[in-house]
Amino acid sequence: MLQTLRKAGGSLVMTVPRVFVEQNGLNDGSQVELHLSGKKMTVEVPSKPRYKLAQLMAEMPEGLPRVEGWDEMPSAGLEIG
C-alpha cells in the first residue's frame, strides 16, 4: 500500500488505513508500537494485558477496610434475576 507523507509542523505524518483501524479496534488516542529496522517500519497494536485473580489479589495491601454488613445487603443491579 502506497502512502503519501504530509508535513505537520516539523514532522511528516501519514494516515492509518480505515481497515487496519477497524480490524484492531483503534480510535483517536490509541497507542501503537513502531518497529524500525533500516528502511523498514512496522506498526504493531500491543496486546492488552491479561490478569488472573490470584495475581491481582497478591498485589492487594494487607488490612483493607471491610464494609460492615456487606454480606447482608440486598441485591441491586443486573445480578437480580
PDB file of N, CA and C in Angstrom:
ATOM      1  N   MET A   1       0.848  -1.175   0.000  1.00  0.00           N
ATOM      2  CA  MET A   1       0.000   0.000   0.000  1.00  0.00           C
ATOM      3  C   MET A   1       0.895   1.240   0.000  1.00  0.00           C
ATOM      4  N   LEU A   2       0.671   2.117  -0.906  1.00  0.00           N
ATOM      5  CA  LEU A   2       1.458   3.340  -1.024  1.00  0.00           C
ATOM      6  C   LEU A   2       0.783   4.457  -0.243  1.00  0.00           C
ATOM      7  N   GLN A   3       1.554   5.161   0.585  1.00  0.00           N
ATOM      8  CA  GLN A   3       1.050   6.275   1.384  1.00  0.00           C
ATOM      9  C   GLN A   3       1.834   7.531   1.027  1.00  0.00           C
ATOM     10  N   THR A   4       1.194   8.681   1.113  1.00  0.00           N
ATOM     11  CA  THR A   4       1.848   9.959   0.872  1.00  0.00           C
ATOM     12  C   THR A   4       2.097  10.644   2.207  1.00  0.00           C
ATOM     13  N   LEU A   5       3.337  11.058   2.430  1.00  0.00           N
ATOM     14  CA  LEU A   5       3.689  11.771   3.655  1.00  0.00           C
ATOM     15  C   LEU A   5       3.299  13.240   3.512  1.00  0.00           C
ATOM     16  N   ARG A   6       2.821  13.813   4.616  1.00  0.00           N
ATOM     17  CA  ARG A   6       2.449  15.232   4.638  1.00  0.00           C
ATOM     18  C   ARG A   6       3.211  15.917   5.761  1.00  0.00           C
ATOM     19  N   LYS A   7       3.491  17.181   5.571  1.00  0.00           N
ATOM     20  CA  LYS A   7       4.193  17.957   6.580  1.00  0.00           C
ATOM     21  C   LYS A   7       3.197  18.443   7.637  1.00  0.00           C
ATOM     22  N   ALA A   8       3.579  18.288   8.914  1.00  0.00           N
ATOM     23  CA  ALA A   8       2.774  18.780  10.035  1.00  0.00           C
ATOM     24  C   ALA A   8       3.760  19.330  11.055  1.00  0.00           C
ATOM     25  N   GLY A   9       3.914  20.636  11.059  1.00  0.00           N
ATOM     26  CA  GLY A   9       4.921  21.241  11.923  1.00  0.00           C
ATOM     27  C   GLY A   9       6.294  20.841  11.434  1.00  0.00           C
ATOM     28  N   GLY A  10       7.108  20.318  12.328  1.00  0.00           N
ATOM     29  CA  GLY A  10       8.441  19.874  11.937  1.00  0.00           C
ATOM     30  C   GLY A  10       8.505  18.393  11.626  1.00  0.00           C
ATOM     31  N   SER A  11       7.353  17.739  11.532  1.00  0.00           N
ATOM     32  CA  SER A  11       7.325  16.291  11.302  1.00  0.00           C
ATOM     33  C   SER A  11       6.623  15.966   9.999  1.00  0.00           C
ATOM     34  N   LEU A  12       6.747  14.709   9.584  1.00  0.00           N
ATOM     35  CA  LEU A  12       5.988  14.179   8.457  1.00  0.00           C
ATOM     36  C   LEU A  12       4.992  13.182   9.024  1.00  0.00           C
ATOM     37  N   VAL A  13       3.778  13.191   8.514  1.00  0.00           N
ATOM     38  CA  VAL A  13       2.727  12.294   9.009  1.00  0.00           C
ATOM     39  C   VAL A  13       2.118  11.518   7.853  1.00  0.00           C
ATOM     40  N   MET A  14       1.507  10.372   8.195  1.00  0.00           N
ATOM     41  CA  MET A  14       0.757   9.605   7.203  1.00  0.00           C
ATOM     42  C   MET A  14      -0.495   9.079   7.881  1.00  0.00           C
ATOM     43  N   THR A  15      -1.484   8.743   7.101  1.00  0.00           N
ATOM     44  CA  THR A  15      -2.737   8.254   7.657  1.00  0.00           C
ATOM     45  C   THR A  15      -2.669   6.743   7.860  1.00  0.00           C
ATOM     46  N   VAL A  16      -3.520   6.256   8.760  1.00  0.00           N
ATOM     47  CA  VAL A  16      -3.637   4.822   9.007  1.00  0.00           C
ATOM     48  C   VAL A  16      -4.901   4.357   8.285  1.00  0.00           C
ATOM     49  N   PRO A  17      -4.788   3.345   7.446  1.00  0.00           N
ATOM     50  CA  PRO A  17      -5.958   2.890   6.690  1.00  0.00           C
ATOM     51  C   PRO A  17      -7.111   2.472   7.605  1.00  0.00           C
ATOM     52  N   ARG A  18      -8.314   2.832   7.216  1.00  0.00           N
ATOM     53  CA  ARG A  18      -9.518   2.549   8.000  1.00  0.00           C
ATOM     54  C   ARG A  18      -9.656   1.063   8.310  1.00  0.00           C
ATOM     55  N   VAL A  19      -9.345   0.196   7.355  1.00  0.00           N
ATOM     56  CA  VAL A  19      -9.495  -1.244   7.578  1.00  0.00           C
ATOM     57  C   VAL A  19      -8.592  -1.704   8.729  1.00  0.00           C
ATOM     58  N   PHE A  20      -7.380  -1.159   8.851  1.00  0.00           N
ATOM     59  CA  PHE A  20      -6.472  -1.504   9.946  1.00  0.00           C
ATOM     60  C   PHE A  20      -7.034  -1.011  11.272  1.00  0.00           C
ATOM     61  N   VAL A  21      -7.573   0.206  11.256  1.00  0.00           N
ATOM     62  CA  VAL A  21      -8.175   0.792  12.457  1.00  0.00           C
ATOM     63  C   VAL A  21      -9.336  -0.068  12.934  1.00  0.00           C
ATOM     64  N   GLU A  22     -10.221  -0.455  12.024  1.00  0.00           N
ATOM     65  CA  GLU A  22     -11.399  -1.248  12.387  1.00  0.00           C
ATOM     66  C   GLU A  22     -11.024  -2.656  12.845  1.00  0.00           C
ATOM     67  N   GLN A  23     -10.086  -3.294  12.137  1.00  0.00           N
ATOM     68  CA  GLN A  23      -9.661  -4.658  12.487  1.00  0.00           C
ATOM     69  C   GLN A  23      -9.091  -4.721  13.895  1.00  0.00           C
ATOM     70  N   ASN A  24      -8.456  -3.651  14.328  1.00  0.00           N
ATOM     71  CA  ASN A  24      -7.740  -3.657  15.595  1.00  0.00           C
ATOM     72  C   ASN A  24      -8.417  -2.835  16.688  1.00  0.00           C
ATOM     73  N   GLY A  25      -9.631  -2.344  16.415  1.00  0.00           N
ATOM     74  CA  GLY A  25     -10.391  -1.612  17.432  1.00  0.00           C
ATOM     75  C   GLY A  25      -9.693  -0.349  17.898  1.00  0.00           C
ATOM     76  N   LEU A  26      -9.047   0.361  16.994  1.00  0.00           N
ATOM     77  CA  LEU A  26      -8.320   1.580  17.336  1.00  0.00           C
ATOM     78  C   LEU A  26      -9.238   2.790  17.240  1.00  0.00           C
ATOM     79  N   ASN A  27      -8.850   3.851  17.938  1.00  0.00           N
ATOM     80  CA  ASN A  27      -9.560   5.120  17.825  1.00  0.00           C
ATOM     81  C   ASN A  27      -8.589   6.245  18.151  1.00  0.00           C
ATOM     82  N   ASP A  28      -9.077   7.462  18.126  1.00  0.00           N
ATOM     83  CA  ASP A  28      -8.249   8.620  18.429  1.00  0.00           C
ATOM     84  C   ASP A  28      -7.658   8.455  19.830  1.00  0.00           C
ATOM     85  N   GLY A  29      -6.349   8.531  19.937  1.00  0.00           N
ATOM     86  CA  GLY A  29      -5.683   8.370  21.222  1.00  0.00           C
ATOM     87  C   GLY A  29      -5.127   6.974  21.455  1.00  0.00           C
ATOM     88  N   SER A  30      -5.472   6.000  20.610  1.00  0.00           N
ATOM     89  CA  SER A  30      -4.910   4.659  20.754  1.00  0.00           C
ATOM     90  C   SER A  30      -3.404   4.703  20.553  1.00  0.00           C
ATOM     91  N   GLN A  31      -2.714   3.821  21.233  1.00  0.00           N
ATOM     92  CA  GLN A  31      -1.265   3.744  21.078  1.00  0.00           C
ATOM     93  C   GLN A  31      -0.897   2.514  20.258  1.00  0.00           C
ATOM     94  N   VAL A  32       0.102   2.672  19.414  1.00  0.00           N
ATOM     95  CA  VAL A  32       0.655   1.566  18.635  1.00  0.00           C
ATOM     96  C   VAL A  32       2.164   1.578  18.835  1.00  0.00           C
ATOM     97  N   GLU A  33       2.762   0.444  18.542  1.00  0.00           N
ATOM     98  CA  GLU A  33       4.210   0.326  18.687  1.00  0.00           C
ATOM     99  C   GLU A  33       4.852   0.302  17.303  1.00  0.00           C
ATOM    100  N   LEU A  34       5.879   1.119  17.112  1.00  0.00           N
ATOM    101  CA  LEU A  34       6.605   1.147  15.844  1.00  0.00           C
ATOM    102  C   LEU A  34       7.906   0.380  15.999  1.00  0.00           C
ATOM    103  N   HIS A  35       8.200  -0.463  15.012  1.00  0.00           N
ATOM    104  CA  HIS A  35       9.464  -1.198  14.982  1.00  0.00           C
ATOM    105  C   HIS A  35      10.245  -0.700  13.768  1.00  0.00           C
ATOM    106  N   LEU A  36      11.449  -0.209  13.999  1.00  0.00           N
ATOM    107  CA  LEU A  36      12.270   0.340  12.933  1.00  0.00           C
ATOM    108  C   LEU A  36      13.461  -0.571  12.679  1.00  0.00           C
ATOM    109  N   SER A  37      13.704  -0.848  11.404  1.00  0.00           N
ATOM    110  CA  SER A  37      14.841  -1.671  11.010  1.00  0.00           C
ATOM    111  C   SER A  37      15.306  -1.211   9.638  1.00  0.00           C
ATOM    112  N   GLY A  38      16.357  -0.383   9.622  1.00  0.00           N
ATOM    113  CA  GLY A  38      16.860   0.150   8.353  1.00  0.00           C
ATOM    114  C   GLY A  38      15.793   0.966   7.657  1.00  0.00           C
ATOM    115  N   LYS A  39      15.432   0.570   6.437  1.00  0.00           N
ATOM    116  CA  LYS A  39      14.413   1.284   5.665  1.00  0.00           C
ATOM    117  C   LYS A  39      13.010   0.753   5.930  1.00  0.00           C
ATOM    118  N   LYS A  40      12.860  -0.133   6.891  1.00  0.00           N
ATOM    119  CA  LYS A  40      11.565  -0.755   7.144  1.00  0.00           C
ATOM    120  C   LYS A  40      11.002  -0.285   8.490  1.00  0.00           C
ATOM    121  N   MET A  41       9.703   0.025   8.502  1.00  0.00           N
ATOM    122  CA  MET A  41       9.000   0.391   9.720  1.00  0.00           C
ATOM    123  C   MET A  41       7.706  -0.420   9.753  1.00  0.00           C
ATOM    124  N   THR A  42       7.482  -1.128  10.857  1.00  0.00           N
ATOM    125  CA  THR A  42       6.239  -1.878  11.005  1.00  0.00           C
ATOM    126  C   THR A  42       5.458  -1.314  12.185  1.00  0.00           C
ATOM    127  N   VAL A  43       4.152  -1.418  12.096  1.00  0.00           N
ATOM    128  CA  VAL A  43       3.246  -0.919  13.133  1.00  0.00           C
ATOM    129  C   VAL A  43       2.582  -2.126  13.779  1.00  0.00           C
ATOM    130  N   GLU A  44       2.614  -2.166  15.112  1.00  0.00           N
ATOM    131  CA  GLU A  44       2.011  -3.273  15.838  1.00  0.00           C
ATOM    132  C   GLU A  44       1.078  -2.723  16.911  1.00  0.00           C
ATOM    133  N   VAL A  45      -0.084  -3.336  17.023  1.00  0.00           N
ATOM    134  CA  VAL A  45      -1.017  -2.974  18.085  1.00  0.00           C
ATOM    135  C   VAL A  45      -0.650  -3.846  19.280  1.00  0.00           C
ATOM    136  N   PRO A  46      -0.244  -3.213  20.392  1.00  0.00           N
ATOM    137  CA  PRO A  46       0.142  -4.027  21.549  1.00  0.00           C
ATOM    138  C   PRO A  46      -1.057  -4.800  22.098  1.00  0.00           C
ATOM    139  N   SER A  47      -0.797  -6.015  22.554  1.00  0.00           N
ATOM    140  CA  SER A  47      -1.890  -6.806  23.126  1.00  0.00           C
ATOM    141  C   SER A  47      -2.220  -6.272  24.513  1.00  0.00           C
ATOM    142  N   LYS A  48      -3.485  -6.392  24.880  1.00  0.00           N
ATOM    143  CA  LYS A  48      -3.929  -5.922  26.189  1.00  0.00           C
ATOM    144  C   LYS A  48      -3.468  -6.925  27.244  1.00  0.00           C
ATOM    145  N   PRO A  49      -3.026  -6.422  28.386  1.00  0.00           N
ATOM    146  CA  PRO A  49      -2.578  -7.354  29.422  1.00  0.00           C
ATOM    147  C   PRO A  49      -3.738  -8.208  29.936  1.00  0.00           C
ATOM    148  N   ARG A  50      -3.443  -9.459  30.241  1.00  0.00           N
ATOM    149  CA  ARG A  50      -4.435 -10.382  30.797  1.00  0.00           C
ATOM    150  C   ARG A  50      -4.044 -10.638  32.247  1.00  0.00           C
ATOM    151  N   TYR A  51      -4.979 -10.459  33.149  1.00  0.00           N
ATOM    152  CA  TYR A  51      -4.718 -10.639  34.564  1.00  0.00           C
ATOM    153  C   TYR A  51      -5.485 -11.843  35.087  1.00  0.00           C
ATOM    154  N   LYS A  52      -4.913 -12.514  36.067  1.00  0.00           N
ATOM    155  CA  LYS A  52      -5.598 -13.573  36.785  1.00  0.00           C
ATOM    156  C   LYS A  52      -5.923 -13.046  38.168  1.00  0.00           C
ATOM    157  N   LEU A  53      -7.045 -13.502  38.708  1.00  0.00           N
ATOM    158  CA  LEU A  53      -7.490 -13.025  40.008  1.00  0.00           C
ATOM    159  C   LEU A  53      -6.408 -13.230  41.060  1.00  0.00           C
ATOM    160  N   ALA A  54      -5.732 -14.354  41.042  1.00  0.00           N
ATOM    161  CA  ALA A  54      -4.686 -14.621  42.037  1.00  0.00           C
ATOM    162  C   ALA A  54      -3.575 -13.577  41.966  1.00  0.00           C
ATOM    163  N   GLN A  55      -3.215 -13.139  40.745  1.00  0.00           N
ATOM    164  CA  GLN A  55      -2.178 -12.109  40.588  1.00  0.00           C
ATOM    165  C   GLN A  55      -2.646 -10.788  41.173  1.00  0.00           C
ATOM    166  N   LEU A  56      -3.879 -10.421  40.890  1.00  0.00           N
ATOM    167  CA  LEU A  56      -4.405  -9.160  41.395  1.00  0.00           C
ATOM    168  C   LEU A  56      -4.519  -9.178  42.915  1.00  0.00           C
ATOM    169  N   MET A  57      -4.986 -10.288  43.463  1.00  0.00           N
ATOM    170  CA  MET A  57      -5.133 -10.394  44.907  1.00  0.00           C
ATOM    171  C   MET A  57      -3.770 -10.349  45.598  1.00  0.00           C
ATOM    172  N   ALA A  58      -2.744 -10.908  44.962  1.00  0.00           N
ATOM    173  CA  ALA A  58      -1.405 -10.905  45.548  1.00  0.00           C
ATOM    174  C   ALA A  58      -0.857  -9.486  45.661  1.00  0.00           C
ATOM    175  N   GLU A  59      -1.326  -8.576  44.828  1.00  0.00           N
ATOM    176  CA  GLU A  59      -0.851  -7.187  44.856  1.00  0.00           C
ATOM    177  C   GLU A  59      -1.632  -6.304  45.819  1.00  0.00           C
ATOM    178  N   MET A  60      -2.708  -6.833  46.406  1.00  0.00           N
ATOM    179  CA  MET A  60      -3.528  -6.041  47.315  1.00  0.00           C
ATOM    180  C   MET A  60      -2.807  -5.860  48.651  1.00  0.00           C
ATOM    181  N   PRO A  61      -2.841  -4.663  49.204  1.00  0.00           N
ATOM    182  CA  PRO A  61      -2.207  -4.448  50.511  1.00  0.00           C
ATOM    183  C   PRO A  61      -2.990  -5.157  51.608  1.00  0.00           C
ATOM    184  N   GLU A  62      -2.290  -5.515  52.671  1.00  0.00           N
ATOM    185  CA  GLU A  62      -2.932  -6.166  53.825  1.00  0.00           C
ATOM    186  C   GLU A  62      -3.813  -5.164  54.565  1.00  0.00           C
ATOM    187  N   GLY A  63      -4.808  -5.667  55.237  1.00  0.00           N
ATOM    188  CA  GLY A  63      -5.615  -4.821  56.105  1.00  0.00           C
ATOM    189  C   GLY A  63      -6.541  -3.853  55.405  1.00  0.00           C
ATOM    190  N   LEU A  64      -7.072  -4.228  54.255  1.00  0.00           N
ATOM    191  CA  LEU A  64      -8.038  -3.354  53.588  1.00  0.00           C
ATOM    192  C   LEU A  64      -9.291  -3.232  54.448  1.00  0.00           C
ATOM    193  N   PRO A  65      -9.915  -2.077  54.477  1.00  0.00           N
ATOM    194  CA  PRO A  65     -11.128  -1.931  55.290  1.00  0.00           C
ATOM    195  C   PRO A  65     -12.254  -2.800  54.733  1.00  0.00           C
ATOM    196  N   ARG A  66     -13.020  -3.381  55.606  1.00  0.00           N
ATOM    197  CA  ARG A  66     -14.153  -4.218  55.212  1.00  0.00           C
ATOM    198  C   ARG A  66     -15.443  -3.443  55.484  1.00  0.00           C
ATOM    199  N   VAL A  67     -16.355  -3.487  54.547  1.00  0.00           N
ATOM    200  CA  VAL A  67     -17.636  -2.800  54.696  1.00  0.00           C
ATOM    201  C   VAL A  67     -18.523  -3.656  55.587  1.00  0.00           C
ATOM    202  N   GLU A  68     -18.935  -3.100  56.696  1.00  0.00           N
ATOM    203  CA  GLU A  68     -19.797  -3.823  57.620  1.00  0.00           C
ATOM    204  C   GLU A  68     -21.161  -4.072  56.978  1.00  0.00           C
ATOM    205  N   GLY A  69     -21.673  -5.264  57.135  1.00  0.00           N
ATOM    206  CA  GLY A  69     -22.984  -5.603  56.622  1.00  0.00           C
ATOM    207  C   GLY A  69     -23.024  -5.912  55.136  1.00  0.00           C
ATOM    208  N   TRP A  70     -21.875  -5.992  54.479  1.00  0.00           N
ATOM    209  CA  TRP A  70     -21.823  -6.228  53.032  1.00  0.00           C
ATOM    210  C   TRP A  70     -22.569  -7.507  52.655  1.00  0.00           C
ATOM    211  N   ASP A  71     -22.357  -8.554  53.429  1.00  0.00           N
ATOM    212  CA  ASP A  71     -22.969  -9.845  53.105  1.00  0.00           C
ATOM    213  C   ASP A  71     -24.483  -9.840  53.267  1.00  0.00           C
ATOM    214  N   GLU A  72     -25.013  -8.900  54.021  1.00  0.00           N
ATOM    215  CA  GLU A  72     -26.448  -8.855  54.264  1.00  0.00           C
ATOM    216  C   GLU A  72     -27.181  -7.853  53.359  1.00  0.00           C
ATOM    217  N   MET A  73     -26.452  -7.114  52.519  1.00  0.00           N
ATOM    218  CA  MET A  73     -27.087  -6.118  51.655  1.00  0.00           C
ATOM    219  C   MET A  73     -27.969  -6.795  50.619  1.00  0.00           C
ATOM    220  N   PRO A  74     -29.105  -6.185  50.270  1.00  0.00           N
ATOM    221  CA  PRO A  74     -29.963  -6.777  49.233  1.00  0.00           C
ATOM    222  C   PRO A  74     -29.323  -6.640  47.857  1.00  0.00           C
ATOM    223  N   SER A  75     -29.689  -7.543  46.947  1.00  0.00           N
ATOM    224  CA  SER A  75     -29.180  -7.493  45.580  1.00  0.00           C
ATOM    225  C   SER A  75     -29.646  -6.218  44.903  1.00  0.00           C
ATOM    226  N   ALA A  76     -28.820  -5.696  44.018  1.00  0.00           N
ATOM    227  CA  ALA A  76     -29.157  -4.489  43.253  1.00  0.00           C
ATOM    228  C   ALA A  76     -28.434  -4.557  41.922  1.00  0.00           C
ATOM    229  N   GLY A  77     -29.123  -4.212  40.848  1.00  0.00           N
ATOM    230  CA  GLY A  77     -28.472  -4.185  39.558  1.00  0.00           C
ATOM    231  C   GLY A  77     -28.834  -5.388  38.696  1.00  0.00           C
ATOM    232  N   LEU A  78     -27.956  -5.714  37.741  1.00  0.00           N
ATOM    233  CA  LEU A  78     -28.252  -6.748  36.759  1.00  0.00           C
ATOM    234  C   LEU A  78     -28.116  -8.164  37.292  1.00  0.00           C
ATOM    235  N   GLU A  79     -27.561  -8.329  38.523  1.00  0.00           N
ATOM    236  CA  GLU A  79     -27.432  -9.695  39.031  1.00  0.00           C
ATOM    237  C   GLU A  79     -28.754 -10.237  39.545  1.00  0.00           C
ATOM    238  N   ILE A  80     -29.758  -9.378  39.663  1.00  0.00           N
ATOM    239  CA  ILE A  80     -31.083  -9.838  40.096  1.00  0.00           C
ATOM    240  C   ILE A  80     -31.716 -10.596  38.943  1.00  0.00           C
ATOM    241  N   GLY A  81     -32.223 -11.764  39.195  1.00  0.00           N
ATOM    242  CA  GLY A  81     -32.845 -12.432  38.082  1.00  0.00           C
ATOM    243  C   GLY A  81     -33.225 -13.780  38.409  1.00  0.00           C
TER     244      GLY A  81
END
